[in-house]
Amino acid sequence: RDMTINRSSVFDPTTAQQDLIDTLKHPSEPLRIAVTGVLGKLDGKQAQKAVAEVALSGDQSPALRVAAFAALADSIRQFGSYLDADMMQKVVQVAFGEPNLELRTAASQAPGAINLKPDQVAELLVGGK
């Protein structure tokens, strides 16, 4: 993770991107949490989408989903959003409709990272109904 943050010239983590994404299926939750953090530091649609899929998956634990939403927000702040409108709509719906307050709060970081205007948020919310 630190090598990714520091943009190490010795190691290019984008070469390991697919292996990192595949690791999101590993049974070790602490490992998957760490991997979402690394993927959130990579500039690319594939990495950002993989993190968003974990964050949005109801099959994952709340702890992993919170970590993934935080990594997604970091990625969006750093590189801009690579999410398509459908996926961003799902994130906004979690941010506004998730019963678990911790997940709802974590999800709200992603749309906040791209500074959606109130009318854009409303459009995403209404579009999902």
Protein backbone atom coordinates (compact mmCIF):
# COMPACT_ATOMS: atom_id res chain seq x y z
CA ARG A 1 0.00 0.00 0.00
CA ASP A 2 2.76 2.46 0.94
CA MET A 3 4.57 1.76 -2.32
CA THR A 4 1.37 2.61 -4.17
CA ILE A 5 0.86 5.83 -2.24
CA ASN A 6 4.49 6.91 -2.73
CA ARG A 7 4.41 6.02 -6.44
CA SER A 8 7.51 3.86 -6.09
CA SER A 9 9.68 3.75 -9.20
CA VAL A 10 10.89 0.30 -8.16
CA PHE A 11 7.50 -1.38 -8.09
CA ASP A 12 4.56 -0.62 -10.37
CA PRO A 13 1.45 -1.95 -8.60
CA THR A 14 -0.66 -1.63 -11.74
CA THR A 15 1.16 -4.72 -13.04
CA ALA A 16 -0.42 -6.63 -10.15
CA GLN A 17 -3.87 -5.07 -10.57
CA GLN A 18 -5.63 -8.20 -11.85
CA ASP A 19 -4.01 -10.36 -9.15
CA LEU A 20 -5.18 -7.86 -6.54
CA ILE A 21 -8.71 -7.92 -7.94
CA ASP A 22 -8.66 -11.73 -7.89
CA THR A 23 -7.57 -11.58 -4.23
CA LEU A 24 -10.91 -9.95 -3.39
CA LYS A 25 -12.30 -13.51 -3.56
CA HIS A 26 -9.79 -14.82 -0.97
CA PRO A 27 -11.39 -16.18 2.22
CA SER A 28 -9.29 -13.94 4.50
CA GLU A 29 -11.27 -10.81 5.26
CA PRO A 30 -8.29 -8.83 6.65
CA LEU A 31 -6.49 -9.53 3.36
CA ARG A 32 -9.49 -8.39 1.30
CA ILE A 33 -9.76 -5.22 3.41
CA ALA A 34 -6.07 -4.47 2.76
CA VAL A 35 -6.50 -5.14 -0.96
CA THR A 36 -9.41 -2.72 -1.26
CA GLY A 37 -7.11 -0.06 0.20
CA VAL A 38 -4.42 -0.80 -2.38
CA LEU A 39 -6.88 -0.91 -5.27
CA GLY A 40 -8.24 2.44 -4.13
CA LYS A 41 -4.78 3.91 -4.73
CA LEU A 42 -4.56 2.66 -8.32
CA ASP A 43 -5.64 4.92 -11.15
CA GLY A 44 -7.95 2.89 -13.33
CA LYS A 45 -11.51 1.97 -14.13
CA GLN A 46 -11.03 -1.73 -13.44
CA ALA A 47 -9.61 -1.18 -9.95
CA GLN A 48 -12.27 1.37 -9.00
CA LYS A 49 -15.08 -0.82 -10.31
CA ALA A 50 -13.79 -3.85 -8.37
CA VAL A 51 -13.73 -1.83 -5.15
CA ALA A 52 -17.24 -0.50 -5.82
CA GLU A 53 -18.55 -4.03 -6.44
CA VAL A 54 -17.23 -5.15 -3.06
CA ALA A 55 -18.69 -2.07 -1.36
CA LEU A 56 -22.10 -2.66 -2.89
CA SER A 57 -22.22 -6.41 -2.28
CA GLY A 58 -24.66 -7.43 0.42
CA ASP A 59 -22.80 -10.75 0.59
CA GLN A 60 -19.79 -9.02 2.18
CA SER A 61 -19.44 -8.17 5.86
CA PRO A 62 -20.20 -4.63 6.98
CA ALA A 63 -16.53 -4.15 7.98
CA LEU A 64 -15.31 -5.05 4.50
CA ARG A 65 -17.97 -2.91 2.85
CA VAL A 66 -17.08 0.11 5.01
CA ALA A 67 -13.40 -0.32 4.08
CA ALA A 68 -14.32 -0.64 0.41
CA PHE A 69 -16.50 2.50 0.47
CA ALA A 70 -13.59 4.40 2.09
CA ALA A 71 -11.19 3.12 -0.59
CA LEU A 72 -13.71 4.03 -3.29
CA ALA A 73 -14.05 7.56 -1.96
CA ASP A 74 -10.25 7.92 -1.83
CA SER A 75 -9.98 6.69 -5.40
CA ILE A 76 -12.65 9.09 -6.64
CA ARG A 77 -11.02 12.03 -4.82
CA GLN A 78 -7.62 11.18 -6.26
CA PHE A 79 -8.49 10.12 -9.82
CA GLY A 80 -12.09 11.15 -10.47
CA SER A 81 -14.99 8.78 -10.88
CA TYR A 82 -14.74 5.93 -13.34
CA LEU A 83 -18.12 4.57 -12.23
CA ASP A 84 -20.93 4.42 -14.73
CA ALA A 85 -24.23 6.10 -13.88
CA ASP A 86 -25.85 2.81 -12.81
CA MET A 87 -23.13 1.98 -10.31
CA MET A 88 -23.04 5.53 -8.93
CA GLN A 89 -26.81 5.38 -8.56
CA LYS A 90 -26.43 2.22 -6.45
CA VAL A 91 -23.83 3.95 -4.26
CA VAL A 92 -26.14 6.94 -3.74
CA GLN A 93 -29.02 4.61 -2.90
CA VAL A 94 -26.91 2.94 -0.20
CA ALA A 95 -25.87 6.38 1.08
CA PHE A 96 -29.50 7.41 1.46
CA GLY A 97 -31.34 4.17 2.12
CA GLU A 98 -29.09 1.68 3.92
CA PRO A 99 -30.49 0.83 7.38
CA ASN A 100 -26.98 0.30 8.81
CA LEU A 101 -25.81 3.82 9.77
CA GLU A 102 -22.12 2.94 9.52
CA LEU A 103 -22.55 1.64 5.97
CA ARG A 104 -24.75 4.57 5.01
CA THR A 105 -22.14 7.01 6.29
CA ALA A 106 -19.31 5.18 4.51
CA ALA A 107 -21.28 5.07 1.25
CA SER A 108 -21.96 8.80 1.41
CA GLN A 109 -18.23 9.51 1.08
CA ALA A 110 -18.12 8.42 -2.58
CA PRO A 111 -20.71 10.82 -4.03
CA GLY A 112 -19.29 13.48 -1.71
CA ALA A 113 -15.85 12.92 -3.24
CA ILE A 114 -17.08 13.98 -6.67
CA ASN A 115 -19.04 16.91 -5.27
CA LEU A 116 -22.39 16.01 -6.77
CA LYS A 117 -24.77 18.95 -6.83
CA PRO A 118 -28.08 18.44 -4.99
CA ASP A 119 -29.99 18.17 -8.28
CA GLN A 120 -27.57 15.46 -9.48
CA VAL A 121 -28.10 13.48 -6.28
CA ALA A 122 -31.86 13.89 -6.64
CA GLU A 123 -31.67 12.68 -10.23
CA LEU A 124 -29.73 9.59 -9.15
CA LEU A 125 -32.22 8.87 -6.37
CA VAL A 126 -35.31 9.35 -8.54
CA GLY A 127 -33.77 7.42 -11.42
CA GLY A 128 -33.56 4.35 -9.21
CA LYS A 129 -37.27 4.24 -8.40
